[in-house]
C-alpha atoms as a PDB file:
ATOM      1  CA  MET A   1     -79.950  23.482  -6.153  1.00  0.00           C
ATOM      2  CA  ASN A   2     -76.929  23.324  -3.990  1.00  0.00           C
ATOM      3  CA  THR A   3     -77.858  22.765  -0.304  1.00  0.00           C
ATOM      4  CA  HIS A   4     -74.329  22.299   0.914  1.00  0.00           C
ATOM      5  CA  THR A   5     -73.383  24.886   3.470  1.00  0.00           C
ATOM      6  CA  PRO A   6     -69.807  25.869   3.715  1.00  0.00           C
ATOM      7  CA  PRO A   7     -68.086  25.839   7.069  1.00  0.00           C
ATOM      8  CA  HIS A   8     -67.774  29.202   8.785  1.00  0.00           C
ATOM      9  CA  THR A   9     -64.523  30.825   8.584  1.00  0.00           C
ATOM     10  CA  ASP A  10     -64.171  30.969  12.299  1.00  0.00           C
ATOM     11  CA  GLY A  11     -63.831  27.218  12.877  1.00  0.00           C
ATOM     12  CA  GLU A  12     -67.465  26.718  13.774  1.00  0.00           C
ATOM     13  CA  TYR A  13     -69.600  24.239  11.728  1.00  0.00           C
ATOM     14  CA  ASP A  14     -73.371  23.584  11.409  1.00  0.00           C
ATOM     15  CA  MET A  15     -73.997  19.700  11.215  1.00  0.00           C
ATOM     16  CA  PRO A  16     -76.721  17.208  12.300  1.00  0.00           C
ATOM     17  CA  SER A  17     -76.249  15.612  15.899  1.00  0.00           C
ATOM     18  CA  ALA A  18     -75.059  12.440  14.308  1.00  0.00           C
ATOM     19  CA  GLU A  19     -72.261  13.949  12.227  1.00  0.00           C
ATOM     20  CA  ALA A  20     -71.159  16.146  15.200  1.00  0.00           C
ATOM     21  CA  MET A  21     -71.004  13.002  17.381  1.00  0.00           C
ATOM     22  CA  LEU A  22     -68.907  11.132  14.798  1.00  0.00           C
ATOM     23  CA  ALA A  23     -66.554  14.012  14.184  1.00  0.00           C
ATOM     24  CA  GLY A  24     -65.984  14.535  17.893  1.00  0.00           C
ATOM     25  CA  THR A  25     -65.341  10.725  18.243  1.00  0.00           C
ATOM     26  CA  LEU A  26     -62.954  10.698  15.269  1.00  0.00           C
ATOM     27  CA  ALA A  27     -60.990  13.799  16.805  1.00  0.00           C
ATOM     28  CA  LEU A  28     -60.842  12.048  20.153  1.00  0.00           C
ATOM     29  CA  MET A  29     -59.366   8.903  18.342  1.00  0.00           C
ATOM     30  CA  THR A  30     -56.973  11.055  16.810  1.00  0.00           C
ATOM     31  CA  GLY A  31     -55.997  12.698  19.894  1.00  0.00           C
ATOM     32  CA  HIS A  32     -55.743   9.235  21.734  1.00  0.00           C
ATOM     33  CA  ALA A  33     -53.405   8.063  19.100  1.00  0.00           C
ATOM     34  CA  GLN A  34     -51.193  11.065  19.353  1.00  0.00           C
ATOM     35  CA  SER A  35     -51.054  11.631  22.984  1.00  0.00           C
ATOM     36  CA  ALA A  36     -48.094  10.304  25.179  1.00  0.00           C
ATOM     37  CA  CYS A  37     -49.596  11.159  28.463  1.00  0.00           C
ATOM     38  CA  PRO A  38     -51.498   8.199  29.942  1.00  0.00           C
ATOM     39  CA  ARG A  39     -54.022  10.129  31.869  1.00  0.00           C
ATOM     40  CA  GLN A  40     -55.116  12.153  28.900  1.00  0.00           C
ATOM     41  CA  ARG A  41     -55.248   8.872  27.010  1.00  0.00           C
ATOM     42  CA  CYS A  42     -57.419   7.104  29.723  1.00  0.00           C
ATOM     43  CA  LEU A  43     -59.794  10.161  29.708  1.00  0.00           C
ATOM     44  CA  MET A  44     -60.123  10.183  25.926  1.00  0.00           C
ATOM     45  CA  SER A  45     -60.538   6.405  25.570  1.00  0.00           C
ATOM     46  CA  GLU A  46     -63.357   6.581  28.498  1.00  0.00           C
ATOM     47  CA  LYS A  47     -65.109   9.366  26.263  1.00  0.00           C
ATOM     48  CA  ILE A  48     -64.643   7.317  23.105  1.00  0.00           C
ATOM     49  CA  VAL A  49     -66.338   4.232  24.575  1.00  0.00           C
ATOM     50  CA  SER A  50     -69.262   6.608  25.749  1.00  0.00           C
ATOM     51  CA  ASN A  51     -69.573   8.154  22.269  1.00  0.00           C
ATOM     52  CA  LEU A  52     -69.425   4.666  20.652  1.00  0.00           C
ATOM     53  CA  ALA A  53     -72.438   3.564  22.914  1.00  0.00           C
ATOM     54  CA  GLN A  54     -74.443   6.704  22.063  1.00  0.00           C
ATOM     55  CA  MET A  55     -73.754   6.213  18.249  1.00  0.00           C
ATOM     56  CA  ALA A  56     -74.996   2.669  18.557  1.00  0.00           C
ATOM     57  CA  GLN A  57     -78.288   3.846  19.693  1.00  0.00           C
ATOM     58  CA  HIS A  58     -78.350   7.133  17.738  1.00  0.00           C
ATOM     59  CA  PRO A  59     -81.514   7.179  15.173  1.00  0.00           C
ATOM     60  CA  GLY A  60     -79.540   9.344  12.969  1.00  0.00           C
ATOM     61  CA  PHE A  61     -77.310   6.431  11.779  1.00  0.00           C
ATOM     62  CA  SER A  62     -78.129   3.334   9.823  1.00  0.00           C
ATOM     63  CA  ALA A  63     -78.492  -0.010  11.439  1.00  0.00           C
ATOM     64  CA  ASN A  64     -75.347  -1.220   9.905  1.00  0.00           C
ATOM     65  CA  PHE A  65     -73.398   1.860  11.167  1.00  0.00           C
ATOM     66  CA  GLN A  66     -75.018   1.183  14.691  1.00  0.00           C
ATOM     67  CA  ALA A  67     -73.821  -2.509  14.420  1.00  0.00           C
ATOM     68  CA  VAL A  68     -70.226  -1.313  13.570  1.00  0.00           C
ATOM     69  CA  THR A  69     -70.166   0.974  16.572  1.00  0.00           C
ATOM     70  CA  GLU A  70     -71.399  -1.677  18.917  1.00  0.00           C
ATOM     71  CA  ARG A  71     -68.817  -4.071  17.689  1.00  0.00           C
ATOM     72  CA  ILE A  72     -65.920  -1.720  18.275  1.00  0.00           C
ATOM     73  CA  ARG A  73     -67.120  -0.268  21.657  1.00  0.00           C
ATOM     74  CA  PRO A  74     -65.736  -3.338  23.610  1.00  0.00           C
ATOM     75  CA  ILE A  75     -62.213  -3.119  21.912  1.00  0.00           C
ATOM     76  CA  TRP A  76     -62.133   0.448  23.097  1.00  0.00           C
ATOM     77  CA  ALA A  77     -63.305  -0.630  26.536  1.00  0.00           C
ATOM     78  CA  LEU A  78     -60.424  -3.070  26.998  1.00  0.00           C
ATOM     79  CA  LEU A  79     -58.059  -0.076  25.709  1.00  0.00           C
ATOM     80  CA  THR A  80     -59.793   2.070  28.367  1.00  0.00           C
ATOM     81  CA  GLN A  81     -58.741  -0.482  31.081  1.00  0.00           C
ATOM     82  CA  ALA A  82     -55.204  -0.716  29.661  1.00  0.00           C
ATOM     83  CA  ASP A  83     -54.812   3.179  29.722  1.00  0.00           C
ATOM     84  CA  GLY A  84     -56.185   2.976  33.255  1.00  0.00           C
ATOM     85  CA  THR A  85     -53.785   0.612  34.464  1.00  0.00           C
ATOM     86  CA  PHE A  86     -50.865   2.688  32.972  1.00  0.00           C
ATOM     87  CA  THR A  87     -52.433   5.711  34.735  1.00  0.00           C
ATOM     88  CA  ARG A  88     -52.662   4.143  38.122  1.00  0.00           C
ATOM     89  CA  GLY A  89     -49.510   2.378  38.744  1.00  0.00           C
ATOM     90  CA  ALA A  90     -47.208   1.844  35.652  1.00  0.00           C
ATOM     91  CA  THR A  91     -43.421   1.641  35.802  1.00  0.00           C
ATOM     92  CA  SER A  92     -41.592   4.150  33.702  1.00  0.00           C
ATOM     93  CA  THR A  93     -40.756   1.322  31.363  1.00  0.00           C
ATOM     94  CA  GLN A  94     -44.511   0.534  30.935  1.00  0.00           C
ATOM     95  CA  LEU A  95     -44.999   4.203  30.062  1.00  0.00           C
ATOM     96  CA  GLU A  96     -42.149   4.156  27.549  1.00  0.00           C
ATOM     97  CA  LEU A  97     -43.728   1.193  26.023  1.00  0.00           C
ATOM     98  CA  GLN A  98     -47.106   2.728  25.739  1.00  0.00           C
ATOM     99  CA  THR A  99     -45.585   5.834  24.060  1.00  0.00           C
ATOM    100  CA  LEU A 100     -44.017   3.421  21.286  1.00  0.00           C
ATOM    101  CA  TRP A 101     -47.320   2.021  20.436  1.00  0.00           C
ATOM    102  CA  CYS A 102     -48.834   4.938  18.980  1.00  0.00           C
ATOM    103  CA  ASN A 103     -46.042   7.258  17.748  1.00  0.00           C
ATOM    104  CA  THR A 104     -47.094  10.301  15.705  1.00  0.00           C
ATOM    105  CA  ALA A 105     -45.641  10.440  12.133  1.00  0.00           C
ATOM    106  CA  ARG A 106     -43.467  13.268  13.167  1.00  0.00           C
ATOM    107  CA  ARG A 107     -41.702  11.028  15.403  1.00  0.00           C
ATOM    108  CA  LEU A 108     -41.271   8.155  13.049  1.00  0.00           C
ATOM    109  CA  GLN A 109     -39.754  10.253  10.268  1.00  0.00           C
END
């Protein structure tokens, strides 16, 4: 019996809370990598850190997955601090450098 439910055509998806948290976090990570706006990057990285902390405690994930999210959370926390530094008082040169760190594929071609 096929228990897989196809996604709705209107862009809505039905999924367990753990999968929804993971999907949302991946979307935030993608947005963070593509954004050139320091304020947006700072806000997204803060939410990513929060989501990673929640996933590290979520009963819907295996102990190994929880350990991975707990290991990468401090890395994202450091990135959040760096994003916040750029947001609060960066020079234009620093902002240009930050933009170069995560260029989208469209900009590289």
